[in-house]
Every structure is written in structure tokens, then in C-alpha cells.
Amino acid sequence: MSALSLTAFGGPQGHFGMFLDLLVSKRGYLTEEDLIELYALCQILPGPTSTQTITALGYKIGGPNLAYLTLLVWMFPAFCIMTALAIFMVTAEEMDISLGFMRFIEPIAVGIVAYSSYKIAIKVVNTKIGVGLMIFSAFASFALKSPYAFPVLIILGGLATTWKYKRQPIEEKERINIKWANLILWISVLVAAAVLGGVTQYQPIKLFENFYRNGSLIFGGGQVLVPLLYTEFVEFKEYLTSQEFISGYGFVQAIPGPVFSFSAYVGALSARELGIGGQLFGAGMAAAGIFLPGTFLIFFIIRFWEQLKKYRIVKASLEGITAVSAGMVIAAAFLLFMPMEQKLINFILLFGTVGMMHFTKVPTPLIIVGGLIFGIVIA
């Protein structure tokens, strides 16, 4: 697992290929069919898809203890890198060290999000109602700019397509035997964090609640994380500047491991007023908040997934949920574009990034590194 945490680039799609090669072909932990089904299950649950997949695999092999160890090993290298970057950003600002070499990361990151929105849209939206929901979600997300709008949009999206359940194939159902412990744990932590954060007003605890709530609402990969975090921490609470946020998101594309480790960067910068110790605590609380909901939910669902997936109304609702999520990523591209400095070089880098990702096989990390080198050369 440590090998994957140090070499797995490219988000859920890239991670899946590496899971297939290492965990199926080389190690034989499970069959290709089992991995595909497990990956599909994690795609329809809130939380980080790659992390849930690899954690669920640990659960199937060795139970909860191995699953939590797998989660820790998988996220730890990226968590450390992104936390260190946040501390470096704050230290550089305090010491008046120029961060000009990172100025081209912003348009490149916007290009990455824009291309991701295109790829997600063409992959998951293939019906008229899906297109309509995607467009509605994009406009609503961009116009409302409120973190409280996203769960409402996701629920409405799922409800909007449940009426199509009769189009799903009928399967013979079994009685569902549900063990509620992990669902109760998920809800209990959510309520306790909200109450404790409200009472203490301690920033790291509030960060845990913020990220735990977001981690309970995000469907898909790290791209879907962008609109929620940008709206809450840049637009709504103003813990980060737009440039800090976009630079961090661009940088996380260049490192291995889960894209959701971006949460550690946001958490550390949000707690900058508490010193380095507070930043480390803020990063840890943010990472715990974003990763734990998906872990609790996969532990809950995997026990009765075989029975649940045979219900047609569950399958039908996924069309609306994925379409709304795609619309949110489109909105994120525009939200990130708006504050970007309107210079010719930024437009060239933005559209150049989209072109390279579409027409070439240049890995995303190399594009980011190229942007950093370009910034150093002409600094």
C-alpha cells in the first residue's frame, strides 16, 4: 500500500489503473470483477472514491483495523506534503519571500478543473434530463455561492430521476440485513462536531466539522471537492485568498496519493493565526474530517450492498446525483476563473493546459512542474 501512496498519480481514474495492476494482477487480493464492482459502489457514495475503494479492500481482507491502517498509509505522504506547503506559504508571507514562481500555477489549475468538468460531463451525463440537471446545477452553484446549497442540489438531483426506476432491469431481491452501527457513528460524529464547534468556537474543531460535513456530501473525485471548499473557505468565510486556494489545488495535482489531501492544505492555512502548532492541528483535523465520513459510510454499506443494489429506485437516483455533481464542477471552473488576473499569458496557459490534457498524453504532474519551472525561469 505504501508503494501506491508514493506512485499513484492522476485522481480516481489514474488510481484505478494502478489498483488493477498491483492489487489484482500482481498481488491477487481480489478479481478484476470484484474491483470494478467495489469501485462502482464507492463512486455512488459520498466521499473520496479512490480512498474508499482502497479502504474497503482493506476491510474485506482484514476487517476494520486493517482498513484504518490502509487509510492512514494511503493518505499520509500526500497529507505531509500539502501540510508542509501550507506552512511554507505562511512562512514565506511572514518573511516577505516572493512566491512569484508559483504565479503560473493558478491558470494551469483553472485549466485542469475546466478540462475535468468537460470529462466528467461527457462521461456521466448522457440523457436530456441529465443535461438539464447539470446546467441547472451549474447555474445554481455559481449564483448561490453558498455551502448550504450543495446538499440541497444533490438531494433534488437524486429525487428528479427516481421516477425512471421502471426503466431499470428487475432483479430478484433478498431481505436486507442492515447493521446500523457505522451509520449511527457517522451521524453521531457529525452532530457532536457541530455542537462542540459551536460551543468552543475553537478553530481546529470548527474545521473538523466543516470538512466532515463536506466529506459527507461529496460524490466522486477531488474535482467535486473544489466548488464546496472554494465557496465555503474563500467566498463565504474568507480563510484563504483565491490565489492561495487555486495554487494549492494546482500543486496537489503534481503529487501522488488522494486529491482529498488538499484538505490538509486548506485546514493549515485556515488555522494560520494559531502558529505552526495550530496549523499542524488544523491540517490534521481537516484531513480527519474529510476522510472519516466516507470511511464510516463504506463500512456501513458494504455489509448489505449485494442486496441494496438490486433496488431499481437506488439505481435510478444515481443519474440525477452524478449530473448535479458534474454541474458543480463546471461552476467551480468559472468560480476559479473569475478572480484570475486577466493577462494574455494566463489565458495562454489556461487553454494550453486544456489542449495538452485533451490532445496529448502528458501527465498532469508534469504540466504542474512545467508551470513551476516556467515561473522560476522568468522570475
Protein backbone atom coordinates (compact mmCIF):
# COMPACT_ATOMS: atom_id res chain seq x y z
CA MET A 1 0.00 0.00 0.00
CA SER A 2 2.89 2.34 0.70
CA ALA A 3 4.02 1.86 -2.91
CA LEU A 4 0.66 3.13 -4.15
CA SER A 5 0.68 6.13 -1.82
CA LEU A 6 4.01 7.23 -3.34
CA THR A 7 3.33 6.45 -7.01
CA ALA A 8 -0.42 6.80 -7.66
CA PHE A 9 -0.95 9.99 -9.67
CA GLY A 10 -3.96 11.20 -11.63
CA GLY A 11 -7.03 11.09 -9.40
CA PRO A 12 -9.59 8.24 -9.27
CA GLN A 13 -9.29 7.37 -12.97
CA GLY A 14 -5.49 7.08 -12.82
CA HIS A 15 -5.61 5.37 -9.43
CA PHE A 16 -7.99 2.70 -10.72
CA GLY A 17 -5.49 1.57 -13.35
CA MET A 18 -2.79 1.20 -10.71
CA PHE A 19 -5.16 -0.66 -8.37
CA LEU A 20 -5.93 -3.05 -11.22
CA ASP A 21 -2.27 -3.67 -11.96
CA LEU A 22 -0.93 -4.02 -8.40
CA LEU A 23 -3.86 -5.36 -6.36
CA VAL A 24 -5.41 -7.66 -8.98
CA SER A 25 -2.72 -8.70 -11.45
CA LYS A 26 0.35 -8.75 -9.19
CA ARG A 27 -0.97 -9.42 -5.69
CA GLY A 28 -4.23 -11.25 -6.42
CA TYR A 29 -6.09 -9.70 -3.48
CA LEU A 30 -9.34 -9.78 -5.48
CA THR A 31 -10.62 -10.39 -9.01
CA GLU A 32 -10.97 -7.72 -11.67
CA GLU A 33 -14.78 -8.05 -11.45
CA ASP A 34 -14.69 -7.57 -7.68
CA LEU A 35 -12.54 -4.45 -8.02
CA ILE A 36 -14.78 -2.93 -10.70
CA GLU A 37 -17.89 -3.52 -8.58
CA LEU A 38 -16.21 -2.15 -5.45
CA TYR A 39 -15.06 0.92 -7.37
CA ALA A 40 -18.58 1.46 -8.73
CA LEU A 41 -20.03 1.25 -5.22
CA CYS A 42 -17.58 3.86 -3.92
CA GLN A 43 -18.42 6.18 -6.82
CA ILE A 44 -22.05 6.41 -5.70
CA LEU A 45 -21.26 7.06 -2.03
CA PRO A 46 -20.28 10.43 -0.57
CA GLY A 47 -16.55 10.68 -0.04
CA PRO A 48 -13.26 10.22 -1.94
CA THR A 49 -13.68 7.38 -4.44
CA SER A 50 -10.08 6.11 -4.53
CA THR A 51 -9.70 6.26 -0.76
CA GLN A 52 -12.98 4.45 -0.15
CA THR A 53 -12.04 1.75 -2.68
CA ILE A 54 -8.68 1.02 -1.12
CA THR A 55 -10.09 1.24 2.43
CA ALA A 56 -12.94 -1.12 1.55
CA LEU A 57 -10.38 -3.56 0.17
CA GLY A 58 -8.53 -3.43 3.49
CA TYR A 59 -11.83 -4.09 5.25
CA LYS A 60 -12.61 -7.12 3.06
CA ILE A 61 -9.16 -8.61 3.68
CA GLY A 62 -8.59 -7.88 7.37
CA GLY A 63 -11.56 -6.10 8.91
CA PRO A 64 -11.78 -2.58 10.40
CA ASN A 65 -8.27 -2.49 11.90
CA LEU A 66 -6.55 -3.21 8.58
CA ALA A 67 -8.94 -0.81 6.84
CA TYR A 68 -7.97 2.10 9.10
CA LEU A 69 -4.27 1.24 8.73
CA THR A 70 -4.70 1.13 4.95
CA LEU A 71 -6.38 4.55 5.02
CA LEU A 72 -3.56 6.02 7.11
CA VAL A 73 -0.77 4.66 4.89
CA TRP A 74 -2.58 5.76 1.73
CA MET A 75 -3.14 9.37 2.76
CA PHE A 76 -0.08 10.09 4.94
CA PRO A 77 2.57 11.08 2.33
CA ALA A 78 0.23 13.46 0.47
CA PHE A 79 -1.02 14.85 3.79
CA CYS A 80 2.54 15.66 4.88
CA ILE A 81 3.44 17.31 1.57
CA MET A 82 0.33 19.51 1.46
CA THR A 83 0.68 20.50 5.13
CA ALA A 84 4.32 21.44 4.56
CA LEU A 85 3.31 23.52 1.54
CA ALA A 86 0.75 25.45 3.59
CA ILE A 87 3.30 26.16 6.34
CA PHE A 88 5.81 27.26 3.71
CA MET A 89 3.23 29.62 2.18
CA VAL A 90 2.56 31.27 5.56
CA THR A 91 6.25 31.45 6.47
CA ALA A 92 7.14 32.97 3.09
CA GLU A 93 4.43 35.60 3.55
CA GLU A 94 5.66 36.48 7.05
CA MET A 95 9.29 36.71 5.88
CA ASP A 96 8.34 38.62 2.75
CA ILE A 97 9.73 35.87 0.49
CA SER A 98 8.44 36.15 -3.05
CA LEU A 99 6.15 33.36 -4.24
CA GLY A 100 6.26 34.68 -7.77
CA PHE A 101 7.49 31.33 -9.08
CA MET A 102 4.04 29.91 -8.28
CA ARG A 103 2.10 32.54 -10.21
CA PHE A 104 1.53 30.33 -13.25
CA ILE A 105 0.04 27.51 -11.18
CA GLU A 106 -3.23 29.46 -10.93
CA PRO A 107 -4.17 29.47 -14.66
CA ILE A 108 -2.91 25.89 -15.04
CA ALA A 109 -5.10 24.76 -12.13
CA VAL A 110 -8.12 26.52 -13.63
CA GLY A 111 -7.40 24.70 -16.89
CA ILE A 112 -7.26 21.37 -15.05
CA VAL A 113 -10.64 22.00 -13.41
CA ALA A 114 -12.15 23.16 -16.71
CA TYR A 115 -10.97 20.03 -18.50
CA SER A 116 -12.12 17.84 -15.61
CA SER A 117 -15.60 19.36 -15.84
CA TYR A 118 -15.67 18.50 -19.55
CA LYS A 119 -14.52 14.92 -18.98
CA ILE A 120 -16.98 14.33 -16.15
CA ALA A 121 -19.85 15.80 -18.17
CA ILE A 122 -19.31 13.62 -21.24
CA LYS A 123 -18.75 10.53 -19.11
CA VAL A 124 -21.72 10.62 -16.74
CA VAL A 125 -24.32 12.84 -18.43
CA ASN A 126 -25.93 11.13 -21.41
CA THR A 127 -29.66 11.88 -21.17
CA LYS A 128 -31.74 15.01 -21.73
CA ILE A 129 -32.82 15.20 -18.09
CA GLY A 130 -29.21 14.71 -17.04
CA VAL A 131 -28.09 17.60 -19.23
CA GLY A 132 -30.87 19.76 -17.81
CA LEU A 133 -29.92 18.94 -14.22
CA MET A 134 -26.26 19.58 -14.96
CA ILE A 135 -26.97 23.02 -16.44
CA PHE A 136 -29.34 23.90 -13.60
CA SER A 137 -26.78 22.78 -11.02
CA ALA A 138 -24.01 24.79 -12.69
CA PHE A 139 -26.06 27.99 -12.73
CA ALA A 140 -27.39 27.47 -9.20
CA SER A 141 -23.96 26.66 -7.74
CA PHE A 142 -22.40 29.70 -9.41
CA ALA A 143 -25.21 32.07 -8.46
CA LEU A 144 -25.83 30.98 -4.86
CA LYS A 145 -22.19 30.58 -3.78
CA SER A 146 -23.30 29.06 -0.50
CA PRO A 147 -22.03 25.80 1.02
CA TYR A 148 -25.58 25.07 2.18
CA ALA A 149 -26.86 24.95 -1.40
CA PHE A 150 -24.85 21.88 -2.39
CA PRO A 151 -26.58 19.20 -0.27
CA VAL A 152 -29.98 20.55 -1.40
CA LEU A 153 -28.95 20.35 -5.06
CA ILE A 154 -27.64 16.79 -4.64
CA ILE A 155 -30.87 15.63 -2.96
CA LEU A 156 -33.02 17.34 -5.60
CA GLY A 157 -30.93 15.76 -8.34
CA GLY A 158 -31.43 12.28 -6.92
CA LEU A 159 -35.18 12.82 -6.48
CA ALA A 160 -35.50 14.20 -10.01
CA THR A 161 -34.60 10.86 -11.62
CA THR A 162 -36.14 8.34 -9.22
CA TRP A 163 -39.31 8.27 -11.36
CA LYS A 164 -37.27 6.48 -14.03
CA TYR A 165 -36.87 3.39 -11.86
CA LYS A 166 -39.15 1.32 -14.10
CA ARG A 167 -36.53 1.51 -16.84
CA GLN A 168 -34.06 -0.37 -14.68
CA PRO A 169 -33.93 -4.17 -15.02
CA ILE A 170 -35.81 -6.16 -12.39
CA GLU A 171 -33.62 -8.35 -10.18
CA GLU A 172 -34.64 -10.92 -7.62
CA LYS A 173 -34.32 -9.32 -4.21
CA GLU A 174 -33.25 -10.73 -0.87
CA ARG A 175 -34.12 -9.46 2.57
CA ILE A 176 -31.73 -6.68 3.56
CA ASN A 177 -29.97 -7.31 6.85
CA ILE A 178 -28.71 -3.91 8.00
CA LYS A 179 -26.22 -3.33 10.81
CA TRP A 180 -26.66 0.29 11.84
CA ALA A 181 -23.56 0.84 13.99
CA ASN A 182 -21.44 2.69 11.43
CA LEU A 183 -24.34 4.85 10.22
CA ILE A 184 -25.08 5.84 13.83
CA LEU A 185 -21.37 6.58 14.29
CA TRP A 186 -21.34 8.76 11.16
CA ILE A 187 -24.36 10.80 12.33
CA SER A 188 -23.13 10.99 15.95
CA VAL A 189 -19.77 12.40 14.94
CA LEU A 190 -21.48 14.95 12.66
CA VAL A 191 -23.78 16.17 15.44
CA ALA A 192 -21.09 16.12 18.14
CA ALA A 193 -18.65 18.09 15.97
CA ALA A 194 -21.29 20.72 15.17
CA VAL A 195 -22.23 21.13 18.85
CA LEU A 196 -18.64 21.13 20.12
CA GLY A 197 -17.53 23.58 17.44
CA GLY A 198 -20.43 25.90 18.22
CA VAL A 199 -19.77 25.82 21.97
CA THR A 200 -15.98 26.14 21.96
CA GLN A 201 -15.54 28.24 18.79
CA TYR A 202 -12.08 26.63 18.60
CA GLN A 203 -10.86 26.89 15.03
CA PRO A 204 -9.48 23.33 14.57
CA ILE A 205 -12.72 21.81 15.89
CA LYS A 206 -14.77 24.05 13.62
CA LEU A 207 -12.53 22.96 10.74
CA PHE A 208 -13.20 19.32 11.56
CA GLU A 209 -16.96 19.97 11.47
CA ASN A 210 -16.70 21.92 8.21
CA PHE A 211 -14.71 19.21 6.46
CA TYR A 212 -16.71 16.36 7.96
CA ARG A 213 -19.89 17.96 6.60
CA ASN A 214 -18.31 18.45 3.17
CA GLY A 215 -16.92 14.92 3.20
CA SER A 216 -20.46 13.66 3.83
CA LEU A 217 -21.79 15.43 0.73
CA ILE A 218 -19.17 14.99 -1.99
CA PHE A 219 -19.77 12.36 -4.65
CA GLY A 220 -16.83 11.42 -6.86
CA GLY A 221 -13.23 12.53 -7.10
CA GLY A 222 -11.31 15.52 -5.91
CA GLN A 223 -12.65 17.76 -8.67
CA VAL A 224 -16.05 17.79 -6.97
CA LEU A 225 -14.32 18.94 -3.79
CA VAL A 226 -13.34 22.25 -5.39
CA PRO A 227 -16.70 24.07 -5.56
CA LEU A 228 -17.64 23.18 -1.99
CA LEU A 229 -14.34 24.18 -0.41
CA TYR A 230 -13.87 27.27 -2.57
CA THR A 231 -17.35 28.53 -1.76
CA GLU A 232 -17.04 27.88 1.97
CA PHE A 233 -13.44 28.84 2.74
CA VAL A 234 -12.73 31.54 0.14
CA GLU A 235 -16.08 33.15 -0.71
CA PHE A 236 -18.04 32.55 2.50
CA LYS A 237 -15.52 32.56 5.38
CA GLU A 238 -12.54 34.19 3.65
CA TYR A 239 -9.97 31.98 5.42
CA LEU A 240 -7.92 31.78 2.21
CA THR A 241 -7.38 34.06 -0.74
CA SER A 242 -8.41 32.88 -4.16
CA GLN A 243 -4.78 32.68 -5.28
CA GLU A 244 -3.78 30.60 -2.24
CA PHE A 245 -6.65 28.20 -2.87
CA ILE A 246 -6.00 27.76 -6.58
CA SER A 247 -2.23 27.43 -6.16
CA GLY A 248 -2.73 24.68 -3.58
CA TYR A 249 -5.19 22.83 -5.77
CA GLY A 250 -2.78 23.03 -8.68
CA PHE A 251 0.05 21.71 -6.53
CA VAL A 252 -1.93 18.72 -5.25
CA GLN A 253 -2.28 17.58 -8.87
CA ALA A 254 1.50 17.12 -9.01
CA ILE A 255 1.86 14.77 -6.03
CA PRO A 256 0.86 11.12 -5.59
CA GLY A 257 -1.96 9.90 -3.38
CA PRO A 258 -5.50 11.14 -2.81
CA VAL A 259 -6.50 14.56 -4.18
CA PHE A 260 -8.55 14.97 -0.99
CA SER A 261 -5.25 15.59 0.83
CA PHE A 262 -5.84 19.14 -0.42
CA SER A 263 -7.98 19.44 2.72
CA ALA A 264 -4.81 19.43 4.87
CA TYR A 265 -3.52 22.46 2.95
CA VAL A 266 -6.81 24.35 3.38
CA GLY A 267 -7.02 23.38 7.06
CA ALA A 268 -3.46 24.51 7.81
CA LEU A 269 -3.93 27.88 6.10
CA SER A 270 -7.29 28.37 7.83
CA ALA A 271 -5.54 27.99 11.21
CA ARG A 272 -2.53 30.18 10.39
CA GLU A 273 -3.24 32.57 13.26
CA LEU A 274 -2.57 29.76 15.78
CA GLY A 275 1.09 29.36 14.79
CA ILE A 276 2.82 26.30 13.35
CA GLY A 277 1.42 24.00 16.03
CA GLY A 278 -2.08 25.24 15.29
CA GLN A 279 -1.52 24.81 11.57
CA LEU A 280 -0.46 21.20 12.07
CA PHE A 281 -3.51 20.58 14.25
CA GLY A 282 -5.77 22.33 11.75
CA ALA A 283 -4.36 20.22 8.91
CA GLY A 284 -4.90 17.03 10.89
CA MET A 285 -8.46 17.94 11.87
CA ALA A 286 -9.32 18.92 8.29
CA ALA A 287 -7.91 15.68 6.88
CA ALA A 288 -9.69 13.59 9.51
CA GLY A 289 -12.91 15.45 8.78
CA ILE A 290 -12.79 14.90 5.02
CA PHE A 291 -11.74 11.23 5.09
CA LEU A 292 -13.75 9.79 8.01
CA PRO A 293 -17.34 10.18 6.64
CA GLY A 294 -16.62 8.15 3.53
CA THR A 295 -14.88 5.52 5.64
CA PHE A 296 -17.82 5.16 8.03
CA LEU A 297 -20.26 5.00 5.11
CA ILE A 298 -18.34 2.36 3.16
CA PHE A 299 -18.14 0.25 6.33
CA PHE A 300 -21.92 0.63 6.69
CA ILE A 301 -22.92 0.00 3.06
CA ILE A 302 -20.53 -2.78 2.11
CA ARG A 303 -22.22 -5.18 4.54
CA PHE A 304 -25.52 -5.16 2.59
CA TRP A 305 -24.55 -3.75 -0.81
CA GLU A 306 -25.32 -7.02 -2.59
CA GLN A 307 -28.98 -6.70 -1.57
CA LEU A 308 -29.33 -2.91 -1.89
CA LYS A 309 -28.01 -2.62 -5.44
CA LYS A 310 -30.89 -4.74 -6.73
CA TYR A 311 -33.44 -2.00 -5.95
CA ARG A 312 -34.25 -0.07 -9.11
CA ILE A 313 -35.05 3.22 -7.38
CA VAL A 314 -31.50 3.34 -5.98
CA LYS A 315 -30.01 2.89 -9.44
CA ALA A 316 -32.35 5.49 -10.95
CA SER A 317 -31.43 8.19 -8.43
CA LEU A 318 -27.75 7.97 -9.35
CA GLU A 319 -28.37 9.58 -12.73
CA GLY A 320 -29.53 12.81 -11.10
CA ILE A 321 -26.84 12.79 -8.42
CA THR A 322 -24.00 12.44 -10.93
CA ALA A 323 -25.49 15.08 -13.25
CA VAL A 324 -25.74 17.60 -10.40
CA SER A 325 -22.16 16.81 -9.34
CA ALA A 326 -20.98 17.43 -12.90
CA GLY A 327 -22.72 20.82 -12.88
CA MET A 328 -20.94 21.74 -9.65
CA VAL A 329 -17.54 21.09 -11.23
CA ILE A 330 -18.49 23.30 -14.20
CA ALA A 331 -19.44 26.06 -11.77
CA ALA A 332 -16.12 25.58 -9.98
CA ALA A 333 -14.21 26.25 -13.21
CA PHE A 334 -15.99 29.60 -13.59
CA LEU A 335 -15.65 30.46 -9.88
CA LEU A 336 -11.90 29.91 -10.08
CA PHE A 337 -11.60 31.78 -13.37
CA MET A 338 -13.33 34.97 -12.21
CA PRO A 339 -10.68 36.23 -9.74
CA MET A 340 -7.76 35.23 -12.00
CA GLU A 341 -5.72 38.17 -13.31
CA GLN A 342 -6.83 38.78 -16.90
CA LYS A 343 -3.44 38.63 -18.61
CA LEU A 344 -2.64 37.15 -22.02
CA ILE A 345 -0.10 34.74 -20.52
CA ASN A 346 -2.73 33.39 -18.11
CA PHE A 347 -5.18 32.73 -20.96
CA ILE A 348 -2.42 31.01 -22.95
CA LEU A 349 -1.56 28.76 -20.00
CA LEU A 350 -5.21 28.02 -19.23
CA PHE A 351 -6.16 26.99 -22.75
CA GLY A 352 -2.77 25.40 -23.31
CA THR A 353 -3.37 23.17 -20.28
CA VAL A 354 -6.79 22.15 -21.59
CA GLY A 355 -5.26 21.42 -25.02
CA MET A 356 -2.41 19.35 -23.60
CA MET A 357 -4.74 17.29 -21.45
CA HIS A 358 -7.09 16.66 -24.37
CA PHE A 359 -4.70 16.10 -27.26
CA THR A 360 -1.59 14.68 -25.61
CA LYS A 361 -0.68 12.08 -23.01
CA VAL A 362 1.45 14.45 -20.94
CA PRO A 363 0.75 13.55 -17.27
CA THR A 364 -0.87 16.27 -15.19
CA PRO A 365 2.01 16.34 -12.64
CA LEU A 366 4.46 17.20 -15.43
CA ILE A 367 2.24 20.09 -16.54
CA ILE A 368 2.29 21.48 -12.99
CA VAL A 369 6.06 21.03 -12.68
CA GLY A 370 6.48 22.73 -16.05
CA GLY A 371 4.48 25.71 -14.75
CA LEU A 372 6.72 25.94 -11.67
CA ILE A 373 9.90 25.80 -13.77
CA PHE A 374 8.49 28.44 -16.13
CA GLY A 375 7.77 30.68 -13.15
CA ILE A 376 11.32 30.25 -11.79
CA VAL A 377 12.97 30.92 -15.16
CA ILE A 378 11.20 34.21 -15.83
CA ALA A 379 11.01 35.35 -12.19
